[in-house]
Amino acid sequence: MTRIIPARNARQGTRGRHVLVVLVAALMLALAAWGAAEFYGEMIDQNANQTIRAPGTAPGPAPG
């Protein structure tokens, strides 16, 4: 004979705010890490675009 269990008693746990808090905290940490990576990437990109010249020299005419 099968035993009929009400749906409320058959659940493993109740829905609480703990799972929501963990998910929101993980999302915020992921966004913070993404923002830090974007900021660091922009800093590297700006430094790569700068050219280094000797002091007091100007670019000469192009050969050709």
PDB file of N, CA and C in Angstrom:
ATOM      1  N   MET A   1       0.839  -1.170   0.000  1.00  0.00           N
ATOM      2  CA  MET A   1       0.000   0.000   0.000  1.00  0.00           C
ATOM      3  C   MET A   1       0.891   1.243   0.000  1.00  0.00           C
ATOM      4  N   THR A   2       0.581   2.154  -0.869  1.00  0.00           N
ATOM      5  CA  THR A   2       1.374   3.381  -0.949  1.00  0.00           C
ATOM      6  C   THR A   2       0.907   4.363   0.114  1.00  0.00           C
ATOM      7  N   ARG A   3       1.881   5.068   0.613  1.00  0.00           N
ATOM      8  CA  ARG A   3       1.592   6.052   1.650  1.00  0.00           C
ATOM      9  C   ARG A   3       1.492   7.424   1.001  1.00  0.00           C
ATOM     10  N   ILE A   4       0.435   8.128   1.240  1.00  0.00           N
ATOM     11  CA  ILE A   4       0.229   9.449   0.660  1.00  0.00           C
ATOM     12  C   ILE A   4       0.746  10.494   1.649  1.00  0.00           C
ATOM     13  N   ILE A   5       1.698  11.287   1.160  1.00  0.00           N
ATOM     14  CA  ILE A   5       2.297  12.333   1.987  1.00  0.00           C
ATOM     15  C   ILE A   5       1.887  13.675   1.402  1.00  0.00           C
ATOM     16  N   PRO A   6       1.411  14.585   2.231  1.00  0.00           N
ATOM     17  CA  PRO A   6       1.058  15.915   1.717  1.00  0.00           C
ATOM     18  C   PRO A   6       2.287  16.613   1.131  1.00  0.00           C
ATOM     19  N   ALA A   7       2.058  17.467   0.145  1.00  0.00           N
ATOM     20  CA  ALA A   7       3.159  18.140  -0.557  1.00  0.00           C
ATOM     21  C   ALA A   7       4.001  18.980   0.398  1.00  0.00           C
ATOM     22  N   ARG A   8       3.384  19.586   1.381  1.00  0.00           N
ATOM     23  CA  ARG A   8       4.131  20.431   2.330  1.00  0.00           C
ATOM     24  C   ARG A   8       5.105  19.602   3.159  1.00  0.00           C
ATOM     25  N   ASN A   9       4.732  18.417   3.519  1.00  0.00           N
ATOM     26  CA  ASN A   9       5.600  17.548   4.315  1.00  0.00           C
ATOM     27  C   ASN A   9       6.655  16.847   3.458  1.00  0.00           C
ATOM     28  N   ALA A  10       6.434  16.737   2.170  1.00  0.00           N
ATOM     29  CA  ALA A  10       7.363  16.029   1.297  1.00  0.00           C
ATOM     30  C   ALA A  10       8.543  16.891   0.868  1.00  0.00           C
ATOM     31  N   ARG A  11       8.458  18.175   1.068  1.00  0.00           N
ATOM     32  CA  ARG A  11       9.544  19.072   0.654  1.00  0.00           C
ATOM     33  C   ARG A  11      10.773  18.861   1.527  1.00  0.00           C
ATOM     34  N   GLN A  12      11.935  19.066   0.911  1.00  0.00           N
ATOM     35  CA  GLN A  12      13.188  18.930   1.641  1.00  0.00           C
ATOM     36  C   GLN A  12      13.408  20.086   2.604  1.00  0.00           C
ATOM     37  N   GLY A  13      12.943  21.234   2.246  1.00  0.00           N
ATOM     38  CA  GLY A  13      13.120  22.401   3.102  1.00  0.00           C
ATOM     39  C   GLY A  13      12.137  23.471   2.694  1.00  0.00           C
ATOM     40  N   THR A  14      11.978  24.432   3.558  1.00  0.00           N
ATOM     41  CA  THR A  14      11.073  25.517   3.223  1.00  0.00           C
ATOM     42  C   THR A  14      11.824  26.573   2.437  1.00  0.00           C
ATOM     43  N   ARG A  15      11.094  27.319   1.680  1.00  0.00           N
ATOM     44  CA  ARG A  15      11.715  28.414   0.942  1.00  0.00           C
ATOM     45  C   ARG A  15      11.947  29.556   1.910  1.00  0.00           C
ATOM     46  N   GLY A  16      13.186  29.934   2.008  1.00  0.00           N
ATOM     47  CA  GLY A  16      13.511  31.008   2.925  1.00  0.00           C
ATOM     48  C   GLY A  16      14.297  32.090   2.219  1.00  0.00           C
ATOM     49  N   ARG A  17      14.729  33.039   2.984  1.00  0.00           N
ATOM     50  CA  ARG A  17      15.502  34.132   2.412  1.00  0.00           C
ATOM     51  C   ARG A  17      16.978  33.793   2.335  1.00  0.00           C
ATOM     52  N   HIS A  18      17.403  32.706   2.941  1.00  0.00           N
ATOM     53  CA  HIS A  18      18.816  32.362   2.943  1.00  0.00           C
ATOM     54  C   HIS A  18      19.342  32.138   1.528  1.00  0.00           C
ATOM     55  N   VAL A  19      18.607  31.419   0.730  1.00  0.00           N
ATOM     56  CA  VAL A  19      19.033  31.154  -0.645  1.00  0.00           C
ATOM     57  C   VAL A  19      19.058  32.450  -1.443  1.00  0.00           C
ATOM     58  N   LEU A  20      18.064  33.277  -1.270  1.00  0.00           N
ATOM     59  CA  LEU A  20      18.014  34.553  -1.975  1.00  0.00           C
ATOM     60  C   LEU A  20      19.187  35.443  -1.577  1.00  0.00           C
ATOM     61  N   VAL A  21      19.515  35.479  -0.303  1.00  0.00           N
ATOM     62  CA  VAL A  21      20.639  36.293   0.164  1.00  0.00           C
ATOM     63  C   VAL A  21      21.942  35.791  -0.442  1.00  0.00           C
ATOM     64  N   VAL A  22      22.132  34.495  -0.478  1.00  0.00           N
ATOM     65  CA  VAL A  22      23.356  33.928  -1.050  1.00  0.00           C
ATOM     66  C   VAL A  22      23.437  34.238  -2.540  1.00  0.00           C
ATOM     67  N   LEU A  23      22.349  34.095  -3.259  1.00  0.00           N
ATOM     68  CA  LEU A  23      22.361  34.371  -4.693  1.00  0.00           C
ATOM     69  C   LEU A  23      22.614  35.846  -4.987  1.00  0.00           C
ATOM     70  N   VAL A  24      21.999  36.733  -4.239  1.00  0.00           N
ATOM     71  CA  VAL A  24      22.204  38.170  -4.452  1.00  0.00           C
ATOM     72  C   VAL A  24      23.636  38.554  -4.097  1.00  0.00           C
ATOM     73  N   ALA A  25      24.172  38.004  -3.012  1.00  0.00           N
ATOM     74  CA  ALA A  25      25.556  38.300  -2.630  1.00  0.00           C
ATOM     75  C   ALA A  25      26.528  37.802  -3.694  1.00  0.00           C
ATOM     76  N   ALA A  26      26.288  36.617  -4.234  1.00  0.00           N
ATOM     77  CA  ALA A  26      27.153  36.086  -5.288  1.00  0.00           C
ATOM     78  C   ALA A  26      27.068  36.948  -6.542  1.00  0.00           C
ATOM     79  N   LEU A  27      25.892  37.433  -6.873  1.00  0.00           N
ATOM     80  CA  LEU A  27      25.731  38.305  -8.031  1.00  0.00           C
ATOM     81  C   LEU A  27      26.478  39.617  -7.830  1.00  0.00           C
ATOM     82  N   MET A  28      26.404  40.182  -6.641  1.00  0.00           N
ATOM     83  CA  MET A  28      27.118  41.435  -6.353  1.00  0.00           C
ATOM     84  C   MET A  28      28.629  41.235  -6.424  1.00  0.00           C
ATOM     85  N   LEU A  29      29.123  40.121  -5.907  1.00  0.00           N
ATOM     86  CA  LEU A  29      30.561  39.841  -5.985  1.00  0.00           C
ATOM     87  C   LEU A  29      31.004  39.650  -7.432  1.00  0.00           C
ATOM     88  N   ALA A  30      30.179  38.985  -8.230  1.00  0.00           N
ATOM     89  CA  ALA A  30      30.518  38.799  -9.641  1.00  0.00           C
ATOM     90  C   ALA A  30      30.549  40.139 -10.368  1.00  0.00           C
ATOM     91  N   LEU A  31      29.597  41.013 -10.081  1.00  0.00           N
ATOM     92  CA  LEU A  31      29.588  42.341 -10.707  1.00  0.00           C
ATOM     93  C   LEU A  31      30.790  43.171 -10.266  1.00  0.00           C
ATOM     94  N   ALA A  32      31.184  43.063  -9.001  1.00  0.00           N
ATOM     95  CA  ALA A  32      32.355  43.795  -8.515  1.00  0.00           C
ATOM     96  C   ALA A  32      33.624  43.291  -9.193  1.00  0.00           C
ATOM     97  N   ALA A  33      33.746  41.981  -9.360  1.00  0.00           N
ATOM     98  CA  ALA A  33      34.918  41.421 -10.033  1.00  0.00           C
ATOM     99  C   ALA A  33      34.946  41.842 -11.498  1.00  0.00           C
ATOM    100  N   TRP A  34      33.801  41.849 -12.151  1.00  0.00           N
ATOM    101  CA  TRP A  34      33.726  42.275 -13.545  1.00  0.00           C
ATOM    102  C   TRP A  34      34.111  43.749 -13.671  1.00  0.00           C
ATOM    103  N   GLY A  35      33.612  44.576 -12.780  1.00  0.00           N
ATOM    104  CA  GLY A  35      33.951  45.996 -12.795  1.00  0.00           C
ATOM    105  C   GLY A  35      35.434  46.223 -12.577  1.00  0.00           C
ATOM    106  N   ALA A  36      36.035  45.475 -11.658  1.00  0.00           N
ATOM    107  CA  ALA A  36      37.469  45.602 -11.415  1.00  0.00           C
ATOM    108  C   ALA A  36      38.263  45.181 -12.648  1.00  0.00           C
ATOM    109  N   ALA A  37      37.834  44.123 -13.311  1.00  0.00           N
ATOM    110  CA  ALA A  37      38.523  43.672 -14.521  1.00  0.00           C
ATOM    111  C   ALA A  37      38.391  44.699 -15.642  1.00  0.00           C
ATOM    112  N   GLU A  38      37.219  45.305 -15.783  1.00  0.00           N
ATOM    113  CA  GLU A  38      37.028  46.349 -16.800  1.00  0.00           C
ATOM    114  C   GLU A  38      37.919  47.557 -16.508  1.00  0.00           C
ATOM    115  N   PHE A  39      37.978  47.983 -15.254  1.00  0.00           N
ATOM    116  CA  PHE A  39      38.796  49.128 -14.865  1.00  0.00           C
ATOM    117  C   PHE A  39      40.270  48.840 -15.128  1.00  0.00           C
ATOM    118  N   TYR A  40      40.726  47.660 -14.747  1.00  0.00           N
ATOM    119  CA  TYR A  40      42.120  47.279 -14.954  1.00  0.00           C
ATOM    120  C   TYR A  40      42.428  47.183 -16.452  1.00  0.00           C
ATOM    121  N   GLY A  41      41.513  46.644 -17.219  1.00  0.00           N
ATOM    122  CA  GLY A  41      41.709  46.542 -18.664  1.00  0.00           C
ATOM    123  C   GLY A  41      41.803  47.902 -19.327  1.00  0.00           C
ATOM    124  N   GLU A  42      40.994  48.854 -18.881  1.00  0.00           N
ATOM    125  CA  GLU A  42      41.068  50.210 -19.433  1.00  0.00           C
ATOM    126  C   GLU A  42      42.388  50.875 -19.074  1.00  0.00           C
ATOM    127  N   MET A  43      42.889  50.643 -17.867  1.00  0.00           N
ATOM    128  CA  MET A  43      44.175  51.223 -17.471  1.00  0.00           C
ATOM    129  C   MET A  43      45.303  50.672 -18.336  1.00  0.00           C
ATOM    130  N   ILE A  44      45.281  49.377 -18.595  1.00  0.00           N
ATOM    131  CA  ILE A  44      46.315  48.764 -19.427  1.00  0.00           C
ATOM    132  C   ILE A  44      46.225  49.303 -20.846  1.00  0.00           C
ATOM    133  N   ASP A  45      45.009  49.436 -21.368  1.00  0.00           N
ATOM    134  CA  ASP A  45      44.811  49.913 -22.735  1.00  0.00           C
ATOM    135  C   ASP A  45      45.303  51.349 -22.890  1.00  0.00           C
ATOM    136  N   GLN A  46      45.056  52.200 -21.922  1.00  0.00           N
ATOM    137  CA  GLN A  46      45.509  53.586 -22.000  1.00  0.00           C
ATOM    138  C   GLN A  46      47.027  53.667 -21.930  1.00  0.00           C
ATOM    139  N   ASN A  47      47.658  52.828 -21.121  1.00  0.00           N
ATOM    140  CA  ASN A  47      49.113  52.830 -21.022  1.00  0.00           C
ATOM    141  C   ASN A  47      49.754  52.297 -22.297  1.00  0.00           C
ATOM    142  N   ALA A  48      49.114  51.379 -22.983  1.00  0.00           N
ATOM    143  CA  ALA A  48      49.674  50.808 -24.207  1.00  0.00           C
ATOM    144  C   ALA A  48      49.616  51.811 -25.354  1.00  0.00           C
ATOM    145  N   ASN A  49      48.667  52.726 -25.336  1.00  0.00           N
ATOM    146  CA  ASN A  49      48.515  53.693 -26.420  1.00  0.00           C
ATOM    147  C   ASN A  49      49.499  54.851 -26.327  1.00  0.00           C
ATOM    148  N   GLN A  50      50.113  55.052 -25.190  1.00  0.00           N
ATOM    149  CA  GLN A  50      51.065  56.145 -25.037  1.00  0.00           C
ATOM    150  C   GLN A  50      52.391  55.748 -25.672  1.00  0.00           C
ATOM    151  N   THR A  51      52.988  56.674 -26.432  1.00  0.00           N
ATOM    152  CA  THR A  51      54.287  56.406 -27.039  1.00  0.00           C
ATOM    153  C   THR A  51      55.361  57.089 -26.219  1.00  0.00           C
ATOM    154  N   ILE A  52      56.510  56.479 -26.190  1.00  0.00           N
ATOM    155  CA  ILE A  52      57.620  57.014 -25.413  1.00  0.00           C
ATOM    156  C   ILE A  52      58.593  57.679 -26.369  1.00  0.00           C
ATOM    157  N   ARG A  53      58.903  58.940 -26.112  1.00  0.00           N
ATOM    158  CA  ARG A  53      59.859  59.690 -26.925  1.00  0.00           C
ATOM    159  C   ARG A  53      60.954  60.228 -26.022  1.00  0.00           C
ATOM    160  N   ALA A  54      62.100  60.463 -26.614  1.00  0.00           N
ATOM    161  CA  ALA A  54      63.189  61.073 -25.858  1.00  0.00           C
ATOM    162  C   ALA A  54      62.826  62.524 -25.576  1.00  0.00           C
ATOM    163  N   PRO A  55      63.243  63.051 -24.443  1.00  0.00           N
ATOM    164  CA  PRO A  55      62.900  64.440 -24.125  1.00  0.00           C
ATOM    165  C   PRO A  55      63.503  65.417 -25.130  1.00  0.00           C
ATOM    166  N   GLY A  56      62.717  66.379 -25.557  1.00  0.00           N
ATOM    167  CA  GLY A  56      63.194  67.427 -26.449  1.00  0.00           C
ATOM    168  C   GLY A  56      63.240  67.052 -27.910  1.00  0.00           C
ATOM    169  N   THR A  57      62.746  65.898 -28.288  1.00  0.00           N
ATOM    170  CA  THR A  57      62.748  65.519 -29.701  1.00  0.00           C
ATOM    171  C   THR A  57      61.330  65.605 -30.240  1.00  0.00           C
ATOM    172  N   ALA A  58      61.238  65.965 -31.475  1.00  0.00           N
ATOM    173  CA  ALA A  58      59.950  66.039 -32.151  1.00  0.00           C
ATOM    174  C   ALA A  58      59.961  65.042 -33.293  1.00  0.00           C
ATOM    175  N   PRO A  59      58.829  64.538 -33.653  1.00  0.00           N
ATOM    176  CA  PRO A  59      58.798  63.606 -34.779  1.00  0.00           C
ATOM    177  C   PRO A  59      59.219  64.306 -36.064  1.00  0.00           C
ATOM    178  N   GLY A  60      60.052  63.635 -36.830  1.00  0.00           N
ATOM    179  CA  GLY A  60      60.544  64.205 -38.084  1.00  0.00           C
ATOM    180  C   GLY A  60      59.609  63.912 -39.229  1.00  0.00           C
ATOM    181  N   PRO A  61      59.942  64.419 -40.413  1.00  0.00           N
ATOM    182  CA  PRO A  61      59.106  64.147 -41.589  1.00  0.00           C
ATOM    183  C   PRO A  61      59.202  62.678 -41.977  1.00  0.00           C
ATOM    184  N   ALA A  62      58.146  62.204 -42.546  1.00  0.00           N
ATOM    185  CA  ALA A  62      58.114  60.808 -42.965  1.00  0.00           C
ATOM    186  C   ALA A  62      59.013  60.618 -44.175  1.00  0.00           C
ATOM    187  N   PRO A  63      59.820  59.546 -44.194  1.00  0.00           N
ATOM    188  CA  PRO A  63      60.676  59.298 -45.364  1.00  0.00           C
ATOM    189  C   PRO A  63      59.829  58.899 -46.565  1.00  0.00           C
ATOM    190  N   GLY A  64      60.306  59.264 -47.720  1.00  0.00           N
ATOM    191  CA  GLY A  64      59.591  58.781 -48.882  1.00  0.00           C
ATOM    192  C   GLY A  64      59.337  59.769 -49.857  1.00  0.00           C
TER     193      GLY A  64
END
